[in-house]
Protein backbone atom coordinates (compact mmCIF):
# COMPACT_ATOMS: atom_id res chain seq x y z
CA UNK A 1 0.00 0.00 0.00
CA UNK A 2 1.50 3.36 -1.03
CA UNK A 3 1.96 5.98 1.64
CA UNK A 4 -0.36 8.97 2.01
CA UNK A 5 2.29 11.29 0.58
CA UNK A 6 2.61 9.20 -2.57
CA UNK A 7 -1.17 9.06 -3.01
CA UNK A 8 -1.60 12.81 -2.55
CA UNK A 9 1.30 14.02 -4.66
CA UNK A 10 1.25 11.68 -7.63
CA UNK A 11 -1.47 13.73 -9.37
CA UNK A 12 0.27 17.10 -8.99
CA UNK A 13 3.54 15.59 -10.22
CA UNK A 14 1.90 14.29 -13.39
CA UNK A 15 0.07 17.59 -13.81
CA UNK A 16 3.25 19.62 -13.55
CA UNK A 17 5.02 17.38 -16.05
CA UNK A 18 2.19 17.78 -18.57
CA UNK A 19 1.90 21.49 -17.80
CA UNK A 20 5.60 21.95 -18.47
CA UNK A 21 5.16 20.39 -21.90
CA UNK A 22 2.30 22.78 -22.62
CA UNK A 23 4.48 25.65 -21.39
CA UNK A 24 7.01 24.76 -24.09
CA UNK A 25 4.26 25.02 -26.69
CA UNK A 26 3.25 28.39 -25.21
CA UNK A 27 6.82 29.65 -25.60
CA UNK A 28 6.86 28.56 -29.23
CA UNK A 29 3.55 30.31 -29.86
CA UNK A 30 4.85 33.51 -28.28
CA UNK A 31 8.02 33.36 -30.38
CA UNK A 32 5.93 32.79 -33.51
CA UNK A 33 3.67 35.72 -32.57
CA UNK A 34 6.50 38.19 -31.97
CA UNK A 35 8.25 37.23 -35.21
CA UNK A 36 5.14 37.14 -37.40
CA UNK A 37 3.00 40.03 -36.18
CA UNK A 38 5.57 42.79 -35.93
CA UNK A 39 3.04 45.52 -36.69
CA UNK A 40 0.58 44.70 -33.90
CA UNK A 41 -0.28 47.31 -31.29
CA UNK A 42 2.18 47.77 -28.48
CA UNK A 43 -0.48 47.04 -25.84
CA UNK A 44 -1.19 43.64 -27.37
CA UNK A 45 2.50 42.77 -27.47
CA UNK A 46 2.87 43.84 -23.83
CA UNK A 47 -0.09 41.65 -22.88
CA UNK A 48 1.48 38.63 -24.57
CA UNK A 49 4.82 39.37 -22.88
CA UNK A 50 3.10 39.75 -19.50
CA UNK A 51 1.29 36.42 -19.91
CA UNK A 52 4.48 34.66 -20.94
CA UNK A 53 6.29 36.10 -17.91
CA UNK A 54 3.50 35.03 -15.55
CA UNK A 55 3.42 31.55 -17.10
CA UNK A 56 7.19 31.27 -16.65
CA UNK A 57 6.90 32.19 -12.97
CA UNK A 58 4.04 29.75 -12.56
CA UNK A 59 6.01 26.84 -14.04
CA UNK A 60 9.12 27.66 -11.98
CA UNK A 61 7.16 27.85 -8.74
CA UNK A 62 5.26 24.67 -9.58
CA UNK A 63 8.52 22.80 -10.04
CA UNK A 64 9.78 24.28 -6.79
CA UNK A 65 6.70 22.93 -5.02
CA UNK A 66 7.32 19.44 -6.41
CA UNK A 67 10.95 19.63 -5.31
CA UNK A 68 9.96 20.80 -1.84
CA UNK A 69 7.34 18.14 -1.19
CA UNK A 70 8.80 15.18 -3.11
CA UNK A 71 12.55 15.66 -2.62
CA UNK A 72 13.29 17.91 0.35
CA UNK A 73 10.49 16.57 2.54
CA UNK A 74 10.26 13.06 1.13
CA UNK A 75 7.86 10.84 3.12
CA UNK A 76 7.18 13.51 5.75
CA UNK A 77 3.44 13.59 6.15
CA UNK A 78 3.58 16.70 8.33
CA UNK A 79 5.12 18.70 5.48
CA UNK A 80 2.07 18.34 3.24
CA UNK A 81 -0.25 19.63 5.94
CA UNK A 82 0.90 23.21 5.60
CA UNK A 83 1.30 25.55 2.66
CA UNK A 84 4.48 27.49 2.05
CA UNK A 85 4.88 30.96 0.60
CA UNK A 86 5.62 29.59 -2.86
CA UNK A 87 2.47 27.46 -2.78
CA UNK A 88 0.44 30.58 -2.13
CA UNK A 89 2.40 32.52 -4.76
CA UNK A 90 1.76 29.80 -7.36
CA UNK A 91 -2.00 29.97 -6.80
CA UNK A 92 -1.92 33.77 -6.86
CA UNK A 93 0.00 33.84 -10.15
CA UNK A 94 -2.44 31.32 -11.64
CA UNK A 95 -5.28 33.62 -10.60
CA UNK A 96 -3.54 36.62 -12.23
CA UNK A 97 -3.10 34.66 -15.47
CA UNK A 98 -6.81 33.82 -15.48
CA UNK A 99 -7.66 37.45 -14.75
CA UNK A 100 -5.63 38.73 -17.70
CA UNK A 101 -6.86 36.03 -20.10
CA UNK A 102 -10.56 36.32 -19.27
CA UNK A 103 -10.82 40.10 -18.95
C-alpha cells in the first residue's frame, strides 16, 4: 500500500510534467507571434509578454513545489499539511493569469 504522501502528490507531479510540456508550446507560440506580427499594437505585445512572464513564474514555482514536497520533505506527512509561501504565490499567479486572459 502506497503511503499517504505518494497518493496525494502523484497527481500534482503528473500535472506539472504535462503542464511543463504545454508551457514549451506556449513559448513557441509567443516566439511565432512576436516574429510574425511585428506591426501589432504595443499594448497587445505587452499583454502577450506579461502572460508569458507570468506563465514562466508559474512553471518555476510549480517545479519548486514538487521539489519541496517530493525531494526535500520526502515521506514527511507533516510537510504536506501546511502551505508554504511559494504554494500561495503559485496559486496567486495562476489567478492573475486567469484574470488577464478572461478580462
